[in-house]
Full PDB file with SEQRES, HELIX, SHEET, SSBOND, CRYST1, ORIGX, SCALE, CONECT and MASTER records, all heavy atoms in Angstrom:
SEQRES   1 A   31  THR SER ARG ILE GLU PHE THR TYR GLU GLY ASP LYS ILE          
SEQRES   2 A   31  THR ALA SER ASN VAL TYR VAL ASN ASN VAL LEU SER SER          
SEQRES   3 A   31  THR SER ASP TYR THR                                          
SHEET    1 AA1 3 SER A   2  GLU A   9  0                                        
SHEET    2 AA1 3 LYS A  12  VAL A  20 -1                                        
SHEET    3 AA1 3 VAL A  23  ASP A  29 -1                                        
CRYST1    1.000    1.000    1.000  90.00  90.00  90.00 P 1           1          
ORIGX1      1.000000  0.000000  0.000000        0.00000                         
ORIGX2      0.000000  1.000000  0.000000        0.00000                         
ORIGX3      0.000000  0.000000  1.000000        0.00000                         
SCALE1      1.000000  0.000000  0.000000        0.00000                         
SCALE2      0.000000  1.000000  0.000000        0.00000                         
SCALE3      0.000000  0.000000  1.000000        0.00000                         
ATOM      1  N   THR A   1     -14.218 -43.448  19.157  1.00  0.00           N  
ATOM      2  CA  THR A   1     -13.098 -44.450  19.179  1.00  0.00           C  
ATOM      3  C   THR A   1     -13.566 -45.775  18.721  1.00  0.00           C  
ATOM      4  O   THR A   1     -12.762 -46.743  18.817  1.00  0.00           O  
ATOM      5  CB  THR A   1     -12.543 -44.469  20.625  1.00  0.00           C  
ATOM      6  OG1 THR A   1     -13.597 -44.968  21.544  1.00  0.00           O  
ATOM      7  CG2 THR A   1     -11.944 -43.203  21.015  1.00  0.00           C  
ATOM      8  N   SER A   2     -14.729 -45.915  18.147  1.00  0.00           N  
ATOM      9  CA  SER A   2     -15.327 -47.221  17.600  1.00  0.00           C  
ATOM     10  C   SER A   2     -15.402 -47.083  16.138  1.00  0.00           C  
ATOM     11  O   SER A   2     -15.555 -46.025  15.533  1.00  0.00           O  
ATOM     12  CB  SER A   2     -16.631 -47.637  18.282  1.00  0.00           C  
ATOM     13  OG  SER A   2     -16.470 -47.687  19.669  1.00  0.00           O  
ATOM     14  N   ARG A   3     -15.124 -48.299  15.501  1.00  0.00           N  
ATOM     15  CA  ARG A   3     -15.299 -48.323  14.063  1.00  0.00           C  
ATOM     16  C   ARG A   3     -15.753 -49.752  13.668  1.00  0.00           C  
ATOM     17  O   ARG A   3     -15.368 -50.729  14.411  1.00  0.00           O  
ATOM     18  CB  ARG A   3     -14.104 -47.786  13.318  1.00  0.00           C  
ATOM     19  CG  ARG A   3     -12.908 -48.869  13.302  1.00  0.00           C  
ATOM     20  CD  ARG A   3     -11.736 -48.379  12.625  1.00  0.00           C  
ATOM     21  NE  ARG A   3     -10.680 -49.403  12.503  1.00  0.00           N  
ATOM     22  CZ  ARG A   3      -9.784 -49.633  13.403  1.00  0.00           C  
ATOM     23  NH1 ARG A   3      -9.814 -48.991  14.529  1.00  0.00           N  
ATOM     24  NH2 ARG A   3      -8.853 -50.591  13.159  1.00  0.00           N  
ATOM     25  N   ILE A   4     -16.415 -49.836  12.423  1.00  0.00           N  
ATOM     26  CA  ILE A   4     -16.696 -51.129  11.861  1.00  0.00           C  
ATOM     27  C   ILE A   4     -16.018 -51.100  10.505  1.00  0.00           C  
ATOM     28  O   ILE A   4     -16.107 -50.145   9.803  1.00  0.00           O  
ATOM     29  CB  ILE A   4     -18.190 -51.407  11.781  1.00  0.00           C  
ATOM     30  CG1 ILE A   4     -18.486 -52.666  11.073  1.00  0.00           C  
ATOM     31  CG2 ILE A   4     -18.861 -50.288  10.967  1.00  0.00           C  
ATOM     32  CD1 ILE A   4     -19.821 -53.247  11.187  1.00  0.00           C  
ATOM     33  N   GLU A   5     -15.287 -52.167  10.219  1.00  0.00           N  
ATOM     34  CA  GLU A   5     -14.670 -52.373   8.832  1.00  0.00           C  
ATOM     35  C   GLU A   5     -15.137 -53.558   8.211  1.00  0.00           C  
ATOM     36  O   GLU A   5     -15.705 -54.528   8.834  1.00  0.00           O  
ATOM     37  CB  GLU A   5     -13.096 -52.597   9.134  1.00  0.00           C  
ATOM     38  CG  GLU A   5     -12.470 -51.448   9.779  1.00  0.00           C  
ATOM     39  CD  GLU A   5     -10.868 -51.631   9.944  1.00  0.00           C  
ATOM     40  OE1 GLU A   5     -10.422 -52.735   9.698  1.00  0.00           O  
ATOM     41  OE2 GLU A   5     -10.234 -50.617  10.176  1.00  0.00           O  
ATOM     42  N   PHE A   6     -15.302 -53.421   6.822  1.00  0.00           N  
ATOM     43  CA  PHE A   6     -15.922 -54.444   6.050  1.00  0.00           C  
ATOM     44  C   PHE A   6     -15.008 -55.162   5.131  1.00  0.00           C  
ATOM     45  O   PHE A   6     -14.011 -54.606   4.649  1.00  0.00           O  
ATOM     46  CB  PHE A   6     -17.003 -53.806   5.129  1.00  0.00           C  
ATOM     47  CG  PHE A   6     -17.875 -52.965   5.824  1.00  0.00           C  
ATOM     48  CD1 PHE A   6     -17.780 -51.422   5.755  1.00  0.00           C  
ATOM     49  CD2 PHE A   6     -18.870 -53.443   6.827  1.00  0.00           C  
ATOM     50  CE1 PHE A   6     -18.629 -50.676   6.603  1.00  0.00           C  
ATOM     51  CE2 PHE A   6     -19.729 -52.612   7.485  1.00  0.00           C  
ATOM     52  CZ  PHE A   6     -19.601 -51.191   7.346  1.00  0.00           C  
ATOM     53  N   THR A   7     -15.178 -56.526   5.006  1.00  0.00           N  
ATOM     54  CA  THR A   7     -14.544 -57.318   4.074  1.00  0.00           C  
ATOM     55  C   THR A   7     -15.383 -57.739   2.870  1.00  0.00           C  
ATOM     56  O   THR A   7     -16.571 -58.216   3.092  1.00  0.00           O  
ATOM     57  CB  THR A   7     -13.920 -58.660   4.730  1.00  0.00           C  
ATOM     58  OG1 THR A   7     -13.043 -58.235   5.896  1.00  0.00           O  
ATOM     59  CG2 THR A   7     -13.160 -59.551   3.797  1.00  0.00           C  
ATOM     60  N   TYR A   8     -14.812 -57.568   1.647  1.00  0.00           N  
ATOM     61  CA  TYR A   8     -15.559 -57.757   0.426  1.00  0.00           C  
ATOM     62  C   TYR A   8     -15.130 -58.930  -0.365  1.00  0.00           C  
ATOM     63  O   TYR A   8     -13.892 -59.268  -0.424  1.00  0.00           O  
ATOM     64  CB  TYR A   8     -15.595 -56.541  -0.408  1.00  0.00           C  
ATOM     65  CG  TYR A   8     -16.320 -55.326   0.124  1.00  0.00           C  
ATOM     66  CD1 TYR A   8     -15.772 -54.477   1.022  1.00  0.00           C  
ATOM     67  CD2 TYR A   8     -17.701 -54.994  -0.222  1.00  0.00           C  
ATOM     68  CE1 TYR A   8     -16.310 -53.318   1.462  1.00  0.00           C  
ATOM     69  CE2 TYR A   8     -18.259 -53.959   0.339  1.00  0.00           C  
ATOM     70  CZ  TYR A   8     -17.609 -53.144   1.105  1.00  0.00           C  
ATOM     71  OH  TYR A   8     -18.175 -52.047   1.577  1.00  0.00           O  
ATOM     72  N   GLU A   9     -16.047 -59.561  -1.103  1.00  0.00           N  
ATOM     73  CA  GLU A   9     -15.744 -60.340  -2.316  1.00  0.00           C  
ATOM     74  C   GLU A   9     -16.464 -59.710  -3.440  1.00  0.00           C  
ATOM     75  O   GLU A   9     -17.701 -59.858  -3.535  1.00  0.00           O  
ATOM     76  CB  GLU A   9     -16.104 -61.896  -2.096  1.00  0.00           C  
ATOM     77  CG  GLU A   9     -15.186 -62.666  -1.218  1.00  0.00           C  
ATOM     78  CD  GLU A   9     -15.391 -64.177  -1.109  1.00  0.00           C  
ATOM     79  OE1 GLU A   9     -16.433 -64.557  -1.855  1.00  0.00           O  
ATOM     80  OE2 GLU A   9     -14.857 -64.772  -0.379  1.00  0.00           O  
ATOM     81  N   GLY A  10     -15.712 -59.032  -4.324  1.00  0.00           N  
ATOM     82  CA  GLY A  10     -16.504 -58.145  -5.251  1.00  0.00           C  
ATOM     83  C   GLY A  10     -17.309 -57.138  -4.506  1.00  0.00           C  
ATOM     84  O   GLY A  10     -16.715 -56.403  -3.803  1.00  0.00           O  
ATOM     85  N   ASP A  11     -18.626 -57.074  -4.811  1.00  0.00           N  
ATOM     86  CA  ASP A  11     -19.431 -56.102  -4.070  1.00  0.00           C  
ATOM     87  C   ASP A  11     -20.178 -56.637  -2.904  1.00  0.00           C  
ATOM     88  O   ASP A  11     -20.838 -55.918  -2.086  1.00  0.00           O  
ATOM     89  CB  ASP A  11     -20.501 -55.471  -5.016  1.00  0.00           C  
ATOM     90  CG  ASP A  11     -19.923 -54.576  -6.103  1.00  0.00           C  
ATOM     91  OD1 ASP A  11     -18.808 -53.953  -5.815  1.00  0.00           O  
ATOM     92  OD2 ASP A  11     -20.520 -54.504  -7.190  1.00  0.00           O  
ATOM     93  N   LYS A  12     -19.917 -57.923  -2.598  1.00  0.00           N  
ATOM     94  CA  LYS A  12     -20.619 -58.599  -1.517  1.00  0.00           C  
ATOM     95  C   LYS A  12     -19.660 -58.496  -0.240  1.00  0.00           C  
ATOM     96  O   LYS A  12     -18.548 -58.694  -0.206  1.00  0.00           O  
ATOM     97  CB  LYS A  12     -20.850 -60.084  -1.776  1.00  0.00           C  
ATOM     98  CG  LYS A  12     -21.951 -60.346  -2.839  1.00  0.00           C  
ATOM     99  CD  LYS A  12     -21.964 -61.910  -2.974  1.00  0.00           C  
ATOM    100  CE  LYS A  12     -23.053 -62.250  -3.994  1.00  0.00           C  
ATOM    101  NZ  LYS A  12     -23.226 -63.784  -4.205  1.00  0.00           N  
ATOM    102  N   ILE A  13     -20.390 -58.184   0.786  1.00  0.00           N  
ATOM    103  CA  ILE A  13     -19.723 -58.086   2.141  1.00  0.00           C  
ATOM    104  C   ILE A  13     -19.757 -59.583   2.656  1.00  0.00           C  
ATOM    105  O   ILE A  13     -20.774 -60.265   2.798  1.00  0.00           O  
ATOM    106  CB  ILE A  13     -20.411 -57.185   3.174  1.00  0.00           C  
ATOM    107  CG1 ILE A  13     -20.300 -55.760   2.673  1.00  0.00           C  
ATOM    108  CG2 ILE A  13     -19.841 -57.395   4.509  1.00  0.00           C  
ATOM    109  CD1 ILE A  13     -21.016 -54.816   3.529  1.00  0.00           C  
ATOM    110  N   THR A  14     -18.552 -60.035   3.082  1.00  0.00           N  
ATOM    111  CA  THR A  14     -18.504 -61.380   3.637  1.00  0.00           C  
ATOM    112  C   THR A  14     -18.264 -61.448   5.173  1.00  0.00           C  
ATOM    113  O   THR A  14     -18.494 -62.345   5.795  1.00  0.00           O  
ATOM    114  CB  THR A  14     -17.312 -62.129   2.972  1.00  0.00           C  
ATOM    115  OG1 THR A  14     -16.137 -61.381   3.090  1.00  0.00           O  
ATOM    116  CG2 THR A  14     -17.589 -62.323   1.472  1.00  0.00           C  
ATOM    117  N   ALA A  15     -17.755 -60.270   5.702  1.00  0.00           N  
ATOM    118  CA  ALA A  15     -17.516 -60.215   7.104  1.00  0.00           C  
ATOM    119  C   ALA A  15     -17.382 -58.684   7.546  1.00  0.00           C  
ATOM    120  O   ALA A  15     -17.086 -57.842   6.685  1.00  0.00           O  
ATOM    121  CB  ALA A  15     -16.246 -60.787   7.534  1.00  0.00           C  
ATOM    122  N   SER A  16     -17.713 -58.376   8.716  1.00  0.00           N  
ATOM    123  CA  SER A  16     -17.460 -57.118   9.323  1.00  0.00           C  
ATOM    124  C   SER A  16     -16.808 -57.313  10.674  1.00  0.00           C  
ATOM    125  O   SER A  16     -17.243 -58.229  11.468  1.00  0.00           O  
ATOM    126  CB  SER A  16     -18.801 -56.318   9.421  1.00  0.00           C  
ATOM    127  OG  SER A  16     -19.788 -56.900  10.205  1.00  0.00           O  
ATOM    128  N   ASN A  17     -15.925 -56.330  10.967  1.00  0.00           N  
ATOM    129  CA  ASN A  17     -15.221 -56.369  12.302  1.00  0.00           C  
ATOM    130  C   ASN A  17     -15.444 -55.011  13.050  1.00  0.00           C  
ATOM    131  O   ASN A  17     -15.292 -53.922  12.370  1.00  0.00           O  
ATOM    132  CB  ASN A  17     -13.792 -56.604  12.164  1.00  0.00           C  
ATOM    133  CG  ASN A  17     -13.434 -57.894  11.485  1.00  0.00           C  
ATOM    134  OD1 ASN A  17     -14.136 -59.002  11.725  1.00  0.00           O  
ATOM    135  ND2 ASN A  17     -12.499 -57.959  10.662  1.00  0.00           N  
ATOM    136  N   VAL A  18     -15.874 -55.064  14.271  1.00  0.00           N  
ATOM    137  CA  VAL A  18     -15.992 -53.914  15.144  1.00  0.00           C  
ATOM    138  C   VAL A  18     -14.742 -53.769  16.055  1.00  0.00           C  
ATOM    139  O   VAL A  18     -14.338 -54.739  16.712  1.00  0.00           O  
ATOM    140  CB  VAL A  18     -17.275 -53.948  15.966  1.00  0.00           C  
ATOM    141  CG1 VAL A  18     -17.247 -52.827  16.901  1.00  0.00           C  
ATOM    142  CG2 VAL A  18     -18.521 -54.019  15.095  1.00  0.00           C  
ATOM    143  N   TYR A  19     -14.175 -52.533  16.012  1.00  0.00           N  
ATOM    144  CA  TYR A  19     -13.097 -52.191  16.862  1.00  0.00           C  
ATOM    145  C   TYR A  19     -13.369 -51.130  17.911  1.00  0.00           C  
ATOM    146  O   TYR A  19     -14.065 -50.216  17.487  1.00  0.00           O  
ATOM    147  CB  TYR A  19     -11.834 -51.785  16.056  1.00  0.00           C  
ATOM    148  CG  TYR A  19     -11.259 -52.859  15.087  1.00  0.00           C  
ATOM    149  CD1 TYR A  19     -11.875 -53.059  13.872  1.00  0.00           C  
ATOM    150  CD2 TYR A  19     -10.165 -53.666  15.488  1.00  0.00           C  
ATOM    151  CE1 TYR A  19     -11.425 -54.131  12.962  1.00  0.00           C  
ATOM    152  CE2 TYR A  19      -9.742 -54.625  14.610  1.00  0.00           C  
ATOM    153  CZ  TYR A  19     -10.360 -54.857  13.420  1.00  0.00           C  
ATOM    154  OH  TYR A  19      -9.782 -55.824  12.592  1.00  0.00           O  
ATOM    155  N   VAL A  20     -12.898 -51.289  19.120  1.00  0.00           N  
ATOM    156  CA  VAL A  20     -13.074 -50.252  20.045  1.00  0.00           C  
ATOM    157  C   VAL A  20     -11.751 -49.902  20.587  1.00  0.00           C  
ATOM    158  O   VAL A  20     -11.021 -50.815  21.102  1.00  0.00           O  
ATOM    159  CB  VAL A  20     -13.970 -50.705  21.177  1.00  0.00           C  
ATOM    160  CG1 VAL A  20     -14.181 -49.619  22.216  1.00  0.00           C  
ATOM    161  CG2 VAL A  20     -15.405 -51.096  20.659  1.00  0.00           C  
ATOM    162  N   ASN A  21     -11.286 -48.650  20.413  1.00  0.00           N  
ATOM    163  CA  ASN A  21      -9.963 -48.215  20.837  1.00  0.00           C  
ATOM    164  C   ASN A  21      -8.927 -49.161  20.109  1.00  0.00           C  
ATOM    165  O   ASN A  21      -7.918 -49.472  20.749  1.00  0.00           O  
ATOM    166  CB  ASN A  21      -9.772 -48.352  22.295  1.00  0.00           C  
ATOM    167  CG  ASN A  21     -10.527 -47.212  23.066  1.00  0.00           C  
ATOM    168  OD1 ASN A  21     -10.795 -46.121  22.613  1.00  0.00           O  
ATOM    169  ND2 ASN A  21     -11.129 -47.625  24.141  1.00  0.00           N  
ATOM    170  N   ASN A  22      -9.175 -49.347  18.889  1.00  0.00           N  
ATOM    171  CA  ASN A  22      -8.240 -50.222  17.989  1.00  0.00           C  
ATOM    172  C   ASN A  22      -8.097 -51.649  18.532  1.00  0.00           C  
ATOM    173  O   ASN A  22      -7.215 -52.346  17.880  1.00  0.00           O  
ATOM    174  CB  ASN A  22      -6.917 -49.550  17.866  1.00  0.00           C  
ATOM    175  CG  ASN A  22      -6.931 -48.272  17.063  1.00  0.00           C  
ATOM    176  OD1 ASN A  22      -7.664 -48.233  16.042  1.00  0.00           O  
ATOM    177  ND2 ASN A  22      -6.199 -47.269  17.530  1.00  0.00           N  
ATOM    178  N   VAL A  23      -9.008 -52.129  19.257  1.00  0.00           N  
ATOM    179  CA  VAL A  23      -8.981 -53.530  19.716  1.00  0.00           C  
ATOM    180  C   VAL A  23     -10.278 -54.199  19.274  1.00  0.00           C  
ATOM    181  O   VAL A  23     -11.329 -53.650  19.277  1.00  0.00           O  
ATOM    182  CB  VAL A  23      -8.973 -53.635  21.359  1.00  0.00           C  
ATOM    183  CG1 VAL A  23      -9.024 -55.046  21.724  1.00  0.00           C  
ATOM    184  CG2 VAL A  23      -7.712 -53.047  21.859  1.00  0.00           C  
ATOM    185  N   LEU A  24     -10.110 -55.417  18.592  1.00  0.00           N  
ATOM    186  CA  LEU A  24     -11.120 -56.047  17.983  1.00  0.00           C  
ATOM    187  C   LEU A  24     -12.158 -56.464  19.021  1.00  0.00           C  
ATOM    188  O   LEU A  24     -11.804 -57.103  20.066  1.00  0.00           O  
ATOM    189  CB  LEU A  24     -10.754 -57.322  17.222  1.00  0.00           C  
ATOM    190  CG  LEU A  24     -11.833 -58.180  16.564  1.00  0.00           C  
ATOM    191  CD1 LEU A  24     -12.398 -57.414  15.499  1.00  0.00           C  
ATOM    192  CD2 LEU A  24     -11.055 -59.495  16.119  1.00  0.00           C  
ATOM    193  N   SER A  25     -13.461 -56.019  18.838  1.00  0.00           N  
ATOM    194  CA  SER A  25     -14.560 -56.292  19.829  1.00  0.00           C  
ATOM    195  C   SER A  25     -15.522 -57.461  19.340  1.00  0.00           C  
ATOM    196  O   SER A  25     -15.903 -58.182  20.140  1.00  0.00           O  
ATOM    197  CB  SER A  25     -15.267 -54.897  20.101  1.00  0.00           C  
ATOM    198  OG  SER A  25     -16.473 -55.244  20.955  1.00  0.00           O  
ATOM    199  N   SER A  26     -15.716 -57.425  18.146  1.00  0.00           N  
ATOM    200  CA  SER A  26     -16.792 -58.355  17.609  1.00  0.00           C  
ATOM    201  C   SER A  26     -16.619 -58.646  16.121  1.00  0.00           C  
ATOM    202  O   SER A  26     -16.055 -57.762  15.418  1.00  0.00           O  
ATOM    203  CB  SER A  26     -18.135 -58.067  17.975  1.00  0.00           C  
ATOM    204  OG  SER A  26     -18.641 -56.890  17.329  1.00  0.00           O  
ATOM    205  N   THR A  27     -17.189 -59.769  15.619  1.00  0.00           N  
ATOM    206  CA  THR A  27     -17.060 -60.020  14.196  1.00  0.00           C  
ATOM    207  C   THR A  27     -18.455 -60.582  13.812  1.00  0.00           C  
ATOM    208  O   THR A  27     -19.165 -61.068  14.563  1.00  0.00           O  
ATOM    209  CB  THR A  27     -15.939 -61.050  13.820  1.00  0.00           C  
ATOM    210  OG1 THR A  27     -16.314 -62.274  14.502  1.00  0.00           O  
ATOM    211  CG2 THR A  27     -14.631 -60.626  14.255  1.00  0.00           C  
ATOM    212  N   SER A  28     -18.802 -60.351  12.534  1.00  0.00           N  
ATOM    213  CA  SER A  28     -20.036 -60.859  11.861  1.00  0.00           C  
ATOM    214  C   SER A  28     -19.772 -61.469  10.659  1.00  0.00           C  
ATOM    215  O   SER A  28     -18.896 -60.998   9.850  1.00  0.00           O  
ATOM    216  CB  SER A  28     -21.016 -59.645  11.841  1.00  0.00           C  
ATOM    217  OG  SER A  28     -21.451 -59.152  13.071  1.00  0.00           O  
ATOM    218  N   ASP A  29     -20.488 -62.589  10.373  1.00  0.00           N  
ATOM    219  CA  ASP A  29     -20.329 -63.314   9.016  1.00  0.00           C  
ATOM    220  C   ASP A  29     -21.642 -63.212   8.298  1.00  0.00           C  
ATOM    221  O   ASP A  29     -22.742 -63.252   8.862  1.00  0.00           O  
ATOM    222  CB  ASP A  29     -20.038 -64.795   9.343  1.00  0.00           C  
ATOM    223  CG  ASP A  29     -18.603 -64.929  10.069  1.00  0.00           C  
ATOM    224  OD1 ASP A  29     -17.727 -64.266   9.742  1.00  0.00           O  
ATOM    225  OD2 ASP A  29     -18.559 -65.782  10.961  1.00  0.00           O  
ATOM    226  N   TYR A  30     -21.484 -63.146   6.907  1.00  0.00           N  
ATOM    227  CA  TYR A  30     -22.600 -63.012   6.050  1.00  0.00           C  
ATOM    228  C   TYR A  30     -22.725 -64.134   5.150  1.00  0.00           C  
ATOM    229  O   TYR A  30     -21.858 -64.643   4.571  1.00  0.00           O  
ATOM    230  CB  TYR A  30     -22.434 -61.710   5.299  1.00  0.00           C  
ATOM    231  CG  TYR A  30     -22.232 -60.496   6.093  1.00  0.00           C  
ATOM    232  CD1 TYR A  30     -20.996 -60.188   6.712  1.00  0.00           C  
ATOM    233  CD2 TYR A  30     -23.195 -59.582   6.365  1.00  0.00           C  
ATOM    234  CE1 TYR A  30     -20.861 -59.076   7.459  1.00  0.00           C  
ATOM    235  CE2 TYR A  30     -23.152 -58.495   7.120  1.00  0.00           C  
ATOM    236  CZ  TYR A  30     -21.858 -58.240   7.813  1.00  0.00           C  
ATOM    237  OH  TYR A  30     -21.742 -57.151   8.583  1.00  0.00           O  
ATOM    238  N   THR A  31     -24.041 -64.645   4.921  1.00  0.00           N  
ATOM    239  CA  THR A  31     -24.309 -65.826   4.128  1.00  0.00           C  
ATOM    240  C   THR A  31     -25.290 -65.415   3.088  1.00  0.00           C  
ATOM    241  O   THR A  31     -26.286 -64.710   3.252  1.00  0.00           O  
ATOM    242  CB  THR A  31     -24.897 -66.931   5.080  1.00  0.00           C  
ATOM    243  OG1 THR A  31     -24.034 -67.313   6.019  1.00  0.00           O  
ATOM    244  CG2 THR A  31     -25.217 -68.198   4.108  1.00  0.00           C  
TER     245      THR A  31                                                      
MASTER        0    0    0    0    3    0    0    6  244    1    0    3          
END                                                                             
């Protein structure tokens, strides 16, 4: 019931979000 989703700019990942039971649990930012 957990998943991580990725946000891109081109091929670069700029952020990722972790969801548990479809509820946002944590976010990560990439530099």
